C-alpha atoms as a PDB file:
ATOM      1  CA  UNK A   1     126.508  34.365-181.658  1.00  0.00           C
ATOM      2  CA  UNK A   2     123.291  35.153-179.809  1.00  0.00           C
ATOM      3  CA  UNK A   3     119.890  33.624-179.656  1.00  0.00           C
ATOM      4  CA  UNK A   4     117.748  33.593-182.755  1.00  0.00           C
ATOM      5  CA  UNK A   5     114.271  34.994-182.683  1.00  0.00           C
ATOM      6  CA  UNK A   6     111.470  32.709-183.770  1.00  0.00           C
ATOM      7  CA  UNK A   7     107.698  32.885-183.754  1.00  0.00           C
ATOM      8  CA  UNK A   8     105.742  31.584-180.788  1.00  0.00           C
ATOM      9  CA  UNK A   9     104.598  28.598-182.870  1.00  0.00           C
ATOM     10  CA  UNK A  10     108.172  27.646-183.814  1.00  0.00           C
ATOM     11  CA  UNK A  11     109.262  28.080-180.202  1.00  0.00           C
ATOM     12  CA  UNK A  12     106.488  25.761-179.024  1.00  0.00           C
ATOM     13  CA  UNK A  13     107.466  23.125-181.610  1.00  0.00           C
ATOM     14  CA  UNK A  14     111.143  23.380-180.643  1.00  0.00           C
ATOM     15  CA  UNK A  15     110.274  23.056-176.960  1.00  0.00           C
ATOM     16  CA  UNK A  16     108.399  19.827-177.653  1.00  0.00           C
ATOM     17  CA  UNK A  17     110.802  18.254-180.119  1.00  0.00           C
ATOM     18  CA  UNK A  18     113.936  18.953-178.063  1.00  0.00           C
ATOM     19  CA  UNK A  19     112.421  17.046-175.150  1.00  0.00           C
ATOM     20  CA  UNK A  20     111.977  14.006-177.369  1.00  0.00           C
ATOM     21  CA  UNK A  21     115.015  13.975-179.654  1.00  0.00           C
ATOM     22  CA  UNK A  22     118.702  14.861-179.586  1.00  0.00           C
ATOM     23  CA  UNK A  23     119.835  17.937-181.493  1.00  0.00           C
ATOM     24  CA  UNK A  24     121.770  15.857-184.013  1.00  0.00           C
ATOM     25  CA  UNK A  25     118.696  13.764-184.823  1.00  0.00           C
ATOM     26  CA  UNK A  26     116.549  16.863-185.313  1.00  0.00           C
ATOM     27  CA  UNK A  27     119.124  18.491-187.602  1.00  0.00           C
ATOM     28  CA  UNK A  28     119.643  15.335-189.682  1.00  0.00           C
ATOM     29  CA  UNK A  29     115.896  14.840-190.121  1.00  0.00           C
ATOM     30  CA  UNK A  30     115.426  18.477-191.118  1.00  0.00           C
ATOM     31  CA  UNK A  31     118.363  18.428-193.544  1.00  0.00           C
ATOM     32  CA  UNK A  32     117.014  15.311-195.250  1.00  0.00           C
ATOM     33  CA  UNK A  33     113.406  16.447-195.428  1.00  0.00           C
ATOM     34  CA  UNK A  34     112.809  20.086-194.397  1.00  0.00           C
ATOM     35  CA  UNK A  35     109.089  19.842-195.138  1.00  0.00           C
ATOM     36  CA  UNK A  36     108.612  16.421-193.592  1.00  0.00           C
ATOM     37  CA  UNK A  37     107.547  17.282-190.084  1.00  0.00           C
ATOM     38  CA  UNK A  38     104.284  15.766-188.901  1.00  0.00           C
ATOM     39  CA  UNK A  39     101.408  17.688-187.362  1.00  0.00           C
ATOM     40  CA  UNK A  40     103.090  17.960-183.943  1.00  0.00           C
ATOM     41  CA  UNK A  41     106.030  19.874-185.407  1.00  0.00           C
ATOM     42  CA  UNK A  42     104.485  21.356-188.559  1.00  0.00           C
ATOM     43  CA  UNK A  43     105.787  24.844-187.651  1.00  0.00           C
ATOM     44  CA  UNK A  44     109.300  23.555-188.407  1.00  0.00           C
ATOM     45  CA  UNK A  45     108.391  22.774-192.022  1.00  0.00           C
ATOM     46  CA  UNK A  46     110.547  24.853-194.358  1.00  0.00           C
ATOM     47  CA  UNK A  47     112.362  26.517-191.434  1.00  0.00           C
ATOM     48  CA  UNK A  48     115.800  27.516-192.664  1.00  0.00           C
ATOM     49  CA  UNK A  49     118.349  24.869-191.609  1.00  0.00           C
ATOM     50  CA  UNK A  50     120.759  27.556-190.389  1.00  0.00           C
ATOM     51  CA  UNK A  51     118.059  29.047-188.149  1.00  0.00           C
ATOM     52  CA  UNK A  52     117.238  25.615-186.756  1.00  0.00           C
ATOM     53  CA  UNK A  53     120.886  24.843-185.971  1.00  0.00           C
ATOM     54  CA  UNK A  54     121.458  28.221-184.343  1.00  0.00           C
ATOM     55  CA  UNK A  55     118.257  27.849-182.316  1.00  0.00           C
ATOM     56  CA  UNK A  56     119.298  24.427-181.084  1.00  0.00           C
ATOM     57  CA  UNK A  57     122.878  25.332-180.206  1.00  0.00           C
ATOM     58  CA  UNK A  58     122.732  29.013-179.261  1.00  0.00           C
ATOM     59  CA  UNK A  59     119.163  29.219-178.035  1.00  0.00           C
ATOM     60  CA  UNK A  60     116.054  31.012-179.191  1.00  0.00           C
ATOM     61  CA  UNK A  61     113.613  33.551-177.955  1.00  0.00           C
ATOM     62  CA  UNK A  62     110.139  34.426-179.108  1.00  0.00           C
ATOM     63  CA  UNK A  63     110.001  37.468-181.328  1.00  0.00           C
ATOM     64  CA  UNK A  64     107.578  40.040-180.060  1.00  0.00           C
ATOM     65  CA  UNK A  65     104.382  40.692-181.908  1.00  0.00           C
ATOM     66  CA  UNK A  66     103.775  44.213-183.210  1.00  0.00           C
ATOM     67  CA  UNK A  67     101.265  44.631-180.389  1.00  0.00           C
ATOM     68  CA  UNK A  68     103.892  43.618-177.806  1.00  0.00           C
ATOM     69  CA  UNK A  69     106.415  46.061-179.272  1.00  0.00           C
ATOM     70  CA  UNK A  70     103.937  48.939-179.185  1.00  0.00           C
ATOM     71  CA  UNK A  71     102.898  48.092-175.624  1.00  0.00           C
ATOM     72  CA  UNK A  72     106.586  48.096-174.559  1.00  0.00           C
ATOM     73  CA  UNK A  73     107.177  51.423-176.282  1.00  0.00           C
ATOM     74  CA  UNK A  74     104.077  52.903-174.670  1.00  0.00           C
ATOM     75  CA  UNK A  75     105.089  51.671-171.209  1.00  0.00           C
ATOM     76  CA  UNK A  76     108.550  53.196-171.641  1.00  0.00           C
ATOM     77  CA  UNK A  77     107.015  56.522-172.584  1.00  0.00           C
ATOM     78  CA  UNK A  78     104.682  56.386-169.585  1.00  0.00           C
ATOM     79  CA  UNK A  79     107.767  56.062-167.375  1.00  0.00           C
ATOM     80  CA  UNK A  80     109.353  59.106-169.039  1.00  0.00           C
ATOM     81  CA  UNK A  81     106.203  61.101-168.457  1.00  0.00           C
ATOM     82  CA  UNK A  82     105.933  60.016-164.822  1.00  0.00           C
ATOM     83  CA  UNK A  83     109.595  60.835-164.135  1.00  0.00           C
ATOM     84  CA  UNK A  84     109.512  64.347-162.679  1.00  0.00           C
ATOM     85  CA  UNK A  85     113.294  64.741-163.095  1.00  0.00           C
ATOM     86  CA  UNK A  86     113.049  64.646-166.883  1.00  0.00           C
ATOM     87  CA  UNK A  87     113.418  67.954-168.666  1.00  0.00           C
ATOM     88  CA  UNK A  88     110.109  69.446-169.781  1.00  0.00           C
ATOM     89  CA  UNK A  89     110.803  68.745-173.442  1.00  0.00           C
ATOM     90  CA  UNK A  90     111.172  64.993-172.708  1.00  0.00           C
ATOM     91  CA  UNK A  91     107.801  64.949-170.949  1.00  0.00           C
ATOM     92  CA  UNK A  92     106.135  66.805-173.812  1.00  0.00           C
ATOM     93  CA  UNK A  93     107.795  64.456-176.308  1.00  0.00           C
ATOM     94  CA  UNK A  94     106.539  61.414-174.389  1.00  0.00           C
ATOM     95  CA  UNK A  95     102.989  62.836-174.251  1.00  0.00           C
ATOM     96  CA  UNK A  96     103.073  63.469-177.983  1.00  0.00           C
ATOM     97  CA  UNK A  97     104.307  59.954-178.770  1.00  0.00           C
ATOM     98  CA  UNK A  98     101.703  58.353-176.508  1.00  0.00           C
ATOM     99  CA  UNK A  99      98.939  60.287-178.258  1.00  0.00           C
ATOM    100  CA  UNK A 100     100.384  59.257-181.619  1.00  0.00           C
ATOM    101  CA  UNK A 101     100.417  55.603-180.590  1.00  0.00           C
ATOM    102  CA  UNK A 102      96.819  55.711-179.387  1.00  0.00           C
ATOM    103  CA  UNK A 103      95.648  57.463-182.558  1.00  0.00           C
ATOM    104  CA  UNK A 104      97.505  54.967-184.736  1.00  0.00           C
ATOM    105  CA  UNK A 105      96.036  51.992-182.921  1.00  0.00           C
ATOM    106  CA  UNK A 106      92.534  53.461-182.979  1.00  0.00           C
ATOM    107  CA  UNK A 107      92.866  54.177-186.684  1.00  0.00           C
ATOM    108  CA  UNK A 108      93.998  50.616-187.397  1.00  0.00           C
ATOM    109  CA  UNK A 109      91.342  49.142-185.134  1.00  0.00           C
ATOM    110  CA  UNK A 110      93.939  47.454-182.912  1.00  0.00           C
ATOM    111  CA  UNK A 111      93.283  47.176-179.190  1.00  0.00           C
ATOM    112  CA  UNK A 112      96.190  46.620-176.780  1.00  0.00           C
ATOM    113  CA  UNK A 113      95.537  46.105-173.088  1.00  0.00           C
ATOM    114  CA  UNK A 114      97.034  48.918-171.040  1.00  0.00           C
ATOM    115  CA  UNK A 115      97.402  51.230-174.017  1.00  0.00           C
ATOM    116  CA  UNK A 116      94.011  51.926-175.571  1.00  0.00           C
ATOM    117  CA  UNK A 117      91.642  49.476-173.883  1.00  0.00           C
END
């Protein structure tokens, strides 16, 4: 079983709480009162117990935001375009996708550093 993906807020709360308490204590507290976390750990409120256990024992990573995913996709396509050994159709496809990404972001009013701002 691999790492679970959690939001940045949940990751921050897990980073703090795991420095203060043992895994077993965290799991027991969450099982008894899943919405009982104080302000310091409020992001854990109502977190699925299975997700919490997997995060504690198998690890967790921060899920990428939509902006991060688009920036990664764009960067990958820039590499395709810059790679002179790619067949012409791959370069044209990359150019088309990059234009599509920029148009989509501009239409939605989203600015991503390195892509459209």
